[in-house]
PDB file of N, CA and C in Angstrom:
ATOM      1  N   UNK A   1     141.925 107.866  93.689  1.00  0.00           N
ATOM      2  CA  UNK A   1     141.209 108.973  94.290  1.00  0.00           C
ATOM      3  C   UNK A   1     140.268 108.415  95.362  1.00  0.00           C
ATOM      4  N   UNK A   2     140.249 109.065  96.499  1.00  0.00           N
ATOM      5  CA  UNK A   2     139.397 108.630  97.594  1.00  0.00           C
ATOM      6  C   UNK A   2     137.941 108.971  97.300  1.00  0.00           C
ATOM      7  N   UNK A   3     137.058 108.257  97.945  1.00  0.00           N
ATOM      8  CA  UNK A   3     135.626 108.481  97.756  1.00  0.00           C
ATOM      9  C   UNK A   3     135.224 109.881  98.191  1.00  0.00           C
ATOM     10  N   UNK A   4     135.772 110.362  99.295  1.00  0.00           N
ATOM     11  CA  UNK A   4     135.411 111.700  99.778  1.00  0.00           C
ATOM     12  C   UNK A   4     135.862 112.786  98.801  1.00  0.00           C
ATOM     13  N   UNK A   5     137.019 112.607  98.196  1.00  0.00           N
ATOM     14  CA  UNK A   5     137.505 113.577  97.209  1.00  0.00           C
ATOM     15  C   UNK A   5     136.626 113.569  95.965  1.00  0.00           C
ATOM     16  N   UNK A   6     136.219 112.374  95.562  1.00  0.00           N
ATOM     17  CA  UNK A   6     135.352 112.246  94.398  1.00  0.00           C
ATOM     18  C   UNK A   6     133.998 112.904  94.653  1.00  0.00           C
ATOM     19  N   UNK A   7     133.449 112.689  95.840  1.00  0.00           N
ATOM     20  CA  UNK A   7     132.164 113.317  96.190  1.00  0.00           C
ATOM     21  C   UNK A   7     132.271 114.834  96.174  1.00  0.00           C
ATOM     22  N   UNK A   8     133.378 115.338  96.684  1.00  0.00           N
ATOM     23  CA  UNK A   8     133.580 116.786  96.707  1.00  0.00           C
ATOM     24  C   UNK A   8     133.645 117.344  95.289  1.00  0.00           C
ATOM     25  N   UNK A   9     134.359 116.670  94.410  1.00  0.00           N
ATOM     26  CA  UNK A   9     134.438 117.102  93.009  1.00  0.00           C
ATOM     27  C   UNK A   9     133.069 117.081  92.338  1.00  0.00           C
ATOM     28  N   UNK A  10     132.312 116.043  92.598  1.00  0.00           N
ATOM     29  CA  UNK A  10     130.967 115.930  92.007  1.00  0.00           C
ATOM     30  C   UNK A  10     130.083 117.063  92.503  1.00  0.00           C
ATOM     31  N   UNK A  11     130.116 117.359  93.812  1.00  0.00           N
ATOM     32  CA  UNK A  11     129.313 118.450  94.371  1.00  0.00           C
ATOM     33  C   UNK A  11     129.683 119.790  93.733  1.00  0.00           C
ATOM     34  N   UNK A  12     130.969 120.023  93.551  1.00  0.00           N
ATOM     35  CA  UNK A  12     131.408 121.276  92.949  1.00  0.00           C
ATOM     36  C   UNK A  12     130.941 121.402  91.497  1.00  0.00           C
ATOM     37  N   UNK A  13     130.990 120.322  90.758  1.00  0.00           N
ATOM     38  CA  UNK A  13     130.545 120.348  89.360  1.00  0.00           C
ATOM     39  C   UNK A  13     129.040 120.559  89.264  1.00  0.00           C
ATOM     40  N   UNK A  14     128.300 119.905  90.130  1.00  0.00           N
ATOM     41  CA  UNK A  14     126.843 120.085  90.147  1.00  0.00           C
ATOM     42  C   UNK A  14     126.511 121.526  90.500  1.00  0.00           C
ATOM     43  N   UNK A  15     127.209 122.073  91.469  1.00  0.00           N
ATOM     44  CA  UNK A  15     126.989 123.459  91.882  1.00  0.00           C
ATOM     45  C   UNK A  15     127.226 124.413  90.711  1.00  0.00           C
ATOM     46  N   UNK A  16     128.262 124.172  89.913  1.00  0.00           N
ATOM     47  CA  UNK A  16     128.562 125.020  88.756  1.00  0.00           C
ATOM     48  C   UNK A  16     127.459 124.940  87.714  1.00  0.00           C
ATOM     49  N   UNK A  17     126.907 123.754  87.512  1.00  0.00           N
ATOM     50  CA  UNK A  17     125.876 123.556  86.494  1.00  0.00           C
ATOM     51  C   UNK A  17     124.549 124.172  86.926  1.00  0.00           C
ATOM     52  N   UNK A  18     124.142 123.931  88.165  1.00  0.00           N
ATOM     53  CA  UNK A  18     122.831 124.367  88.643  1.00  0.00           C
ATOM     54  C   UNK A  18     122.786 125.867  88.889  1.00  0.00           C
ATOM     55  N   UNK A  19     123.829 126.396  89.497  1.00  0.00           N
ATOM     56  CA  UNK A  19     123.821 127.788  89.932  1.00  0.00           C
ATOM     57  C   UNK A  19     124.507 128.648  88.884  1.00  0.00           C
ATOM     58  N   UNK A  20     123.708 129.407  88.157  1.00  0.00           N
ATOM     59  CA  UNK A  20     124.264 130.222  87.089  1.00  0.00           C
ATOM     60  C   UNK A  20     124.225 131.713  87.407  1.00  0.00           C
ATOM     61  N   UNK A  21     123.131 132.193  87.950  1.00  0.00           N
ATOM     62  CA  UNK A  21     123.009 133.626  88.193  1.00  0.00           C
ATOM     63  C   UNK A  21     123.495 133.985  89.596  1.00  0.00           C
ATOM     64  N   UNK A  22     123.894 135.239  89.799  1.00  0.00           N
ATOM     65  CA  UNK A  22     124.327 135.662  91.129  1.00  0.00           C
ATOM     66  C   UNK A  22     123.230 135.505  92.186  1.00  0.00           C
ATOM     67  N   UNK A  23     121.992 135.713  91.791  1.00  0.00           N
ATOM     68  CA  UNK A  23     120.884 135.566  92.742  1.00  0.00           C
ATOM     69  C   UNK A  23     120.757 134.107  93.176  1.00  0.00           C
ATOM     70  N   UNK A  24     120.912 133.188  92.237  1.00  0.00           N
ATOM     71  CA  UNK A  24     120.862 131.770  92.591  1.00  0.00           C
ATOM     72  C   UNK A  24     122.029 131.382  93.493  1.00  0.00           C
ATOM     73  N   UNK A  25     123.184 131.985  93.265  1.00  0.00           N
ATOM     74  CA  UNK A  25     124.341 131.707  94.120  1.00  0.00           C
ATOM     75  C   UNK A  25     124.101 132.214  95.539  1.00  0.00           C
ATOM     76  N   UNK A  26     123.524 133.395  95.657  1.00  0.00           N
ATOM     77  CA  UNK A  26     123.201 133.936  96.979  1.00  0.00           C
ATOM     78  C   UNK A  26     122.174 133.039  97.669  1.00  0.00           C
ATOM     79  N   UNK A  27     121.164 132.613  96.921  1.00  0.00           N
ATOM     80  CA  UNK A  27     120.139 131.735  97.491  1.00  0.00           C
ATOM     81  C   UNK A  27     120.752 130.424  97.967  1.00  0.00           C
ATOM     82  N   UNK A  28     121.650 129.879  97.197  1.00  0.00           N
ATOM     83  CA  UNK A  28     122.314 128.626  97.570  1.00  0.00           C
ATOM     84  C   UNK A  28     123.134 128.799  98.847  1.00  0.00           C
ATOM     85  N   UNK A  29     123.847 129.909  98.956  1.00  0.00           N
ATOM     86  CA  UNK A  29     124.721 130.130 100.107  1.00  0.00           C
ATOM     87  C   UNK A  29     123.992 130.552 101.372  1.00  0.00           C
ATOM     88  N   UNK A  30     122.799 131.125 101.245  1.00  0.00           N
ATOM     89  CA  UNK A  30     122.089 131.613 102.424  1.00  0.00           C
ATOM     90  C   UNK A  30     120.886 130.759 102.803  1.00  0.00           C
ATOM     91  N   UNK A  31     120.397 129.963 101.882  1.00  0.00           N
ATOM     92  CA  UNK A  31     119.212 129.158 102.169  1.00  0.00           C
ATOM     93  C   UNK A  31     117.914 129.917 101.967  1.00  0.00           C
ATOM     94  N   UNK A  32     117.982 131.076 101.363  1.00  0.00           N
ATOM     95  CA  UNK A  32     116.786 131.869 101.093  1.00  0.00           C
ATOM     96  C   UNK A  32     116.239 131.541  99.709  1.00  0.00           C
ATOM     97  N   UNK A  33     114.985 131.906  99.489  1.00  0.00           N
ATOM     98  CA  UNK A  33     114.391 131.711  98.173  1.00  0.00           C
ATOM     99  C   UNK A  33     114.910 132.768  97.201  1.00  0.00           C
ATOM    100  N   UNK A  34     115.092 132.368  95.964  1.00  0.00           N
ATOM    101  CA  UNK A  34     115.581 133.283  94.930  1.00  0.00           C
ATOM    102  C   UNK A  34     114.627 134.456  94.737  1.00  0.00           C
ATOM    103  N   UNK A  35     113.334 134.197  94.807  1.00  0.00           N
ATOM    104  CA  UNK A  35     112.339 135.254  94.598  1.00  0.00           C
ATOM    105  C   UNK A  35     112.410 136.301  95.709  1.00  0.00           C
ATOM    106  N   UNK A  36     112.638 135.879  96.944  1.00  0.00           N
ATOM    107  CA  UNK A  36     112.760 136.828  98.055  1.00  0.00           C
ATOM    108  C   UNK A  36     113.989 137.718  97.871  1.00  0.00           C
ATOM    109  N   UNK A  37     115.074 137.119  97.434  1.00  0.00           N
ATOM    110  CA  UNK A  37     116.294 137.882  97.192  1.00  0.00           C
ATOM    111  C   UNK A  37     116.085 138.857  96.034  1.00  0.00           C
ATOM    112  N   UNK A  38     115.443 138.392  94.970  1.00  0.00           N
ATOM    113  CA  UNK A  38     115.154 139.239  93.802  1.00  0.00           C
ATOM    114  C   UNK A  38     114.307 140.439  94.217  1.00  0.00           C
ATOM    115  N   UNK A  39     113.276 140.220  95.022  1.00  0.00           N
ATOM    116  CA  UNK A  39     112.420 141.317  95.477  1.00  0.00           C
ATOM    117  C   UNK A  39     113.207 142.325  96.310  1.00  0.00           C
ATOM    118  N   UNK A  40     114.060 141.835  97.213  1.00  0.00           N
ATOM    119  CA  UNK A  40     114.877 142.713  98.046  1.00  0.00           C
ATOM    120  C   UNK A  40     115.820 143.558  97.192  1.00  0.00           C
ATOM    121  N   UNK A  41     116.433 142.940  96.214  1.00  0.00           N
ATOM    122  CA  UNK A  41     117.385 143.638  95.344  1.00  0.00           C
ATOM    123  C   UNK A  41     116.684 144.699  94.500  1.00  0.00           C
ATOM    124  N   UNK A  42     115.541 144.356  93.935  1.00  0.00           N
ATOM    125  CA  UNK A  42     114.813 145.311  93.099  1.00  0.00           C
ATOM    126  C   UNK A  42     114.242 146.460  93.928  1.00  0.00           C
ATOM    127  N   UNK A  43     113.699 146.134  95.085  1.00  0.00           N
ATOM    128  CA  UNK A  43     113.074 147.146  95.938  1.00  0.00           C
ATOM    129  C   UNK A  43     114.091 148.173  96.427  1.00  0.00           C
ATOM    130  N   UNK A  44     115.290 147.709  96.763  1.00  0.00           N
ATOM    131  CA  UNK A  44     116.290 148.586  97.367  1.00  0.00           C
ATOM    132  C   UNK A  44     117.434 148.976  96.438  1.00  0.00           C
ATOM    133  N   UNK A  45     117.344 148.584  95.171  1.00  0.00           N
ATOM    134  CA  UNK A  45     118.358 148.913  94.158  1.00  0.00           C
ATOM    135  C   UNK A  45     119.758 148.522  94.637  1.00  0.00           C
ATOM    136  N   UNK A  46     119.940 147.225  94.853  1.00  0.00           N
ATOM    137  CA  UNK A  46     121.189 146.657  95.356  1.00  0.00           C
ATOM    138  C   UNK A  46     122.048 146.192  94.184  1.00  0.00           C
ATOM    139  N   UNK A  47     123.352 146.388  94.280  1.00  0.00           N
ATOM    140  CA  UNK A  47     124.302 145.874  93.292  1.00  0.00           C
ATOM    141  C   UNK A  47     124.499 144.387  93.564  1.00  0.00           C
ATOM    142  N   UNK A  48     123.893 143.550  92.751  1.00  0.00           N
ATOM    143  CA  UNK A  48     123.853 142.109  93.001  1.00  0.00           C
ATOM    144  C   UNK A  48     125.224 141.454  92.875  1.00  0.00           C
ATOM    145  N   UNK A  49     126.081 141.966  92.022  1.00  0.00           N
ATOM    146  CA  UNK A  49     127.409 141.370  91.843  1.00  0.00           C
ATOM    147  C   UNK A  49     128.262 141.585  93.096  1.00  0.00           C
ATOM    148  N   UNK A  50     128.256 142.801  93.620  1.00  0.00           N
ATOM    149  CA  UNK A  50     129.018 143.084  94.842  1.00  0.00           C
ATOM    150  C   UNK A  50     128.450 142.310  96.025  1.00  0.00           C
ATOM    151  N   UNK A  51     127.137 142.236  96.115  1.00  0.00           N
ATOM    152  CA  UNK A  51     126.507 141.487  97.194  1.00  0.00           C
ATOM    153  C   UNK A  51     126.869 140.010  97.116  1.00  0.00           C
ATOM    154  N   UNK A  52     126.863 139.453  95.913  1.00  0.00           N
ATOM    155  CA  UNK A  52     127.215 138.050  95.727  1.00  0.00           C
ATOM    156  C   UNK A  52     128.652 137.784  96.177  1.00  0.00           C
ATOM    157  N   UNK A  53     129.570 138.660  95.794  1.00  0.00           N
ATOM    158  CA  UNK A  53     130.962 138.516  96.221  1.00  0.00           C
ATOM    159  C   UNK A  53     131.086 138.543  97.741  1.00  0.00           C
ATOM    160  N   UNK A  54     130.357 139.449  98.364  1.00  0.00           N
ATOM    161  CA  UNK A  54     130.385 139.567  99.822  1.00  0.00           C
ATOM    162  C   UNK A  54     129.863 138.289 100.478  1.00  0.00           C
ATOM    163  N   UNK A  55     128.752 137.775  99.991  1.00  0.00           N
ATOM    164  CA  UNK A  55     128.149 136.571 100.569  1.00  0.00           C
ATOM    165  C   UNK A  55     129.077 135.374 100.398  1.00  0.00           C
ATOM    166  N   UNK A  56     129.707 135.249  99.251  1.00  0.00           N
ATOM    167  CA  UNK A  56     130.609 134.121  99.022  1.00  0.00           C
ATOM    168  C   UNK A  56     131.820 134.159  99.941  1.00  0.00           C
ATOM    169  N   UNK A  57     132.323 135.342 100.230  1.00  0.00           N
ATOM    170  CA  UNK A  57     133.509 135.470 101.068  1.00  0.00           C
ATOM    171  C   UNK A  57     133.187 135.463 102.562  1.00  0.00           C
ATOM    172  N   UNK A  58     131.930 135.735 102.902  1.00  0.00           N
ATOM    173  CA  UNK A  58     131.590 135.865 104.314  1.00  0.00           C
ATOM    174  C   UNK A  58     131.454 134.506 104.999  1.00  0.00           C
ATOM    175  N   UNK A  59     131.531 134.555 106.303  1.00  0.00           N
ATOM    176  CA  UNK A  59     131.348 133.350 107.101  1.00  0.00           C
ATOM    177  C   UNK A  59     129.866 133.170 107.420  1.00  0.00           C
ATOM    178  N   UNK A  60     129.568 132.238 108.279  1.00  0.00           N
ATOM    179  CA  UNK A  60     128.173 131.946 108.630  1.00  0.00           C
ATOM    180  C   UNK A  60     127.476 133.171 109.199  1.00  0.00           C
ATOM    181  N   UNK A  61     128.170 133.930 110.026  1.00  0.00           N
ATOM    182  CA  UNK A  61     127.585 135.119 110.652  1.00  0.00           C
ATOM    183  C   UNK A  61     127.132 136.127 109.590  1.00  0.00           C
ATOM    184  N   UNK A  62     127.954 136.365 108.582  1.00  0.00           N
ATOM    185  CA  UNK A  62     127.599 137.302 107.521  1.00  0.00           C
ATOM    186  C   UNK A  62     126.402 136.834 106.715  1.00  0.00           C
ATOM    187  N   UNK A  63     126.338 135.551 106.463  1.00  0.00           N
ATOM    188  CA  UNK A  63     125.203 134.990 105.720  1.00  0.00           C
ATOM    189  C   UNK A  63     123.928 135.068 106.540  1.00  0.00           C
ATOM    190  N   UNK A  64     124.050 134.831 107.836  1.00  0.00           N
ATOM    191  CA  UNK A  64     122.881 134.940 108.717  1.00  0.00           C
ATOM    192  C   UNK A  64     122.400 136.385 108.811  1.00  0.00           C
ATOM    193  N   UNK A  65     123.321 137.326 108.821  1.00  0.00           N
ATOM    194  CA  UNK A  65     122.951 138.739 108.845  1.00  0.00           C
ATOM    195  C   UNK A  65     122.161 139.105 107.597  1.00  0.00           C
ATOM    196  N   UNK A  66     122.580 138.595 106.449  1.00  0.00           N
ATOM    197  CA  UNK A  66     121.835 138.876 105.220  1.00  0.00           C
ATOM    198  C   UNK A  66     120.447 138.240 105.269  1.00  0.00           C
ATOM    199  N   UNK A  67     120.359 137.036 105.796  1.00  0.00           N
ATOM    200  CA  UNK A  67     119.054 136.382 105.942  1.00  0.00           C
ATOM    201  C   UNK A  67     118.137 137.196 106.845  1.00  0.00           C
ATOM    202  N   UNK A  68     118.694 137.732 107.912  1.00  0.00           N
ATOM    203  CA  UNK A  68     117.911 138.570 108.825  1.00  0.00           C
ATOM    204  C   UNK A  68     117.480 139.856 108.137  1.00  0.00           C
ATOM    205  N   UNK A  69     118.335 140.399 107.297  1.00  0.00           N
ATOM    206  CA  UNK A  69     117.991 141.627 106.575  1.00  0.00           C
ATOM    207  C   UNK A  69     116.750 141.416 105.708  1.00  0.00           C
ATOM    208  N   UNK A  70     116.647 140.256 105.104  1.00  0.00           N
ATOM    209  CA  UNK A  70     115.517 139.986 104.217  1.00  0.00           C
ATOM    210  C   UNK A  70     114.282 139.526 104.990  1.00  0.00           C
ATOM    211  N   UNK A  71     114.460 138.603 105.915  1.00  0.00           N
ATOM    212  CA  UNK A  71     113.301 137.982 106.554  1.00  0.00           C
ATOM    213  C   UNK A  71     112.923 138.607 107.892  1.00  0.00           C
ATOM    214  N   UNK A  72     113.716 139.543 108.401  1.00  0.00           N
ATOM    215  CA  UNK A  72     113.410 140.182 109.678  1.00  0.00           C
ATOM    216  C   UNK A  72     112.348 141.248 109.535  1.00  0.00           C
ATOM    217  N   UNK A  73     112.119 141.955 110.618  1.00  0.00           N
ATOM    218  CA  UNK A  73     111.148 143.049 110.591  1.00  0.00           C
ATOM    219  C   UNK A  73     111.613 144.124 109.607  1.00  0.00           C
ATOM    220  N   UNK A  74     110.688 144.828 109.007  1.00  0.00           N
ATOM    221  CA  UNK A  74     111.072 145.908 108.092  1.00  0.00           C
ATOM    222  C   UNK A  74     111.914 146.962 108.809  1.00  0.00           C
ATOM    223  N   UNK A  75     112.879 147.503 108.109  1.00  0.00           N
ATOM    224  CA  UNK A  75     113.780 148.549 108.609  1.00  0.00           C
ATOM    225  C   UNK A  75     114.629 148.090 109.792  1.00  0.00           C
ATOM    226  N   UNK A  76     115.009 146.816 109.808  1.00  0.00           N
ATOM    227  CA  UNK A  76     115.917 146.364 110.866  1.00  0.00           C
ATOM    228  C   UNK A  76     117.333 146.830 110.553  1.00  0.00           C
ATOM    229  N   UNK A  77     118.229 146.734 111.533  1.00  0.00           N
ATOM    230  CA  UNK A  77     119.582 147.284 111.363  1.00  0.00           C
ATOM    231  C   UNK A  77     120.377 146.558 110.283  1.00  0.00           C
ATOM    232  N   UNK A  78     120.103 145.274 110.065  1.00  0.00           N
ATOM    233  CA  UNK A  78     120.823 144.521 109.039  1.00  0.00           C
ATOM    234  C   UNK A  78     120.381 144.956 107.641  1.00  0.00           C
ATOM    235  N   UNK A  79     119.088 145.181 107.492  1.00  0.00           N
ATOM    236  CA  UNK A  79     118.565 145.650 106.209  1.00  0.00           C
ATOM    237  C   UNK A  79     119.196 147.007 105.859  1.00  0.00           C
ATOM    238  N   UNK A  80     119.253 147.892 106.833  1.00  0.00           N
ATOM    239  CA  UNK A  80     119.848 149.207 106.598  1.00  0.00           C
ATOM    240  C   UNK A  80     121.321 149.082 106.230  1.00  0.00           C
ATOM    241  N   UNK A  81     122.023 148.168 106.899  1.00  0.00           N
ATOM    242  CA  UNK A  81     123.446 147.964 106.624  1.00  0.00           C
ATOM    243  C   UNK A  81     123.667 147.533 105.177  1.00  0.00           C
ATOM    244  N   UNK A  82     122.904 146.540 104.718  1.00  0.00           N
ATOM    245  CA  UNK A  82     123.097 146.029 103.355  1.00  0.00           C
ATOM    246  C   UNK A  82     122.664 147.048 102.305  1.00  0.00           C
ATOM    247  N   UNK A  83     121.646 147.828 102.596  1.00  0.00           N
ATOM    248  CA  UNK A  83     121.213 148.847 101.647  1.00  0.00           C
ATOM    249  C   UNK A  83     122.287 149.942 101.532  1.00  0.00           C
ATOM    250  N   UNK A  84     122.856 150.351 102.670  1.00  0.00           N
ATOM    251  CA  UNK A  84     123.898 151.377 102.640  1.00  0.00           C
ATOM    252  C   UNK A  84     125.173 150.871 101.950  1.00  0.00           C
ATOM    253  N   UNK A  85     125.524 149.626 102.224  1.00  0.00           N
ATOM    254  CA  UNK A  85     126.781 149.093 101.713  1.00  0.00           C
ATOM    255  C   UNK A  85     126.706 148.743 100.224  1.00  0.00           C
ATOM    256  N   UNK A  86     125.593 148.172  99.762  1.00  0.00           N
ATOM    257  CA  UNK A  86     125.503 147.668  98.394  1.00  0.00           C
ATOM    258  C   UNK A  86     124.488 148.389  97.521  1.00  0.00           C
ATOM    259  N   UNK A  87     123.849 149.413  98.049  1.00  0.00           N
ATOM    260  CA  UNK A  87     122.863 150.149  97.273  1.00  0.00           C
ATOM    261  C   UNK A  87     123.504 150.945  96.152  1.00  0.00           C
ATOM    262  N   UNK A  88     122.835 150.974  95.019  1.00  0.00           N
ATOM    263  CA  UNK A  88     123.302 151.756  93.872  1.00  0.00           C
ATOM    264  C   UNK A  88     122.776 153.168  94.037  1.00  0.00           C
ATOM    265  N   UNK A  89     123.657 154.129  93.904  1.00  0.00           N
ATOM    266  CA  UNK A  89     123.255 155.524  94.120  1.00  0.00           C
ATOM    267  C   UNK A  89     123.064 156.263  92.848  1.00  0.00           C
TER     268      UNK A  89
END
């Protein structure tokens, strides 16, 4: 086994061990703090499982849009998009 393949396997195993909750997975993929994501989800009643799936499948642009939704000005277009798409009704 090559060194690069071994490193990749180790990173994947560490990721599985450290990241258990969907909020932690979102934080890992976006670079945001878990507490900021938790506050956004609770405040806007977001379905965290669907949001996590979306973030995992999205490219860099989608992850950046979510970061902007949380850290941008209040009521920005990205925040509205995520609330409409993943909000629990």
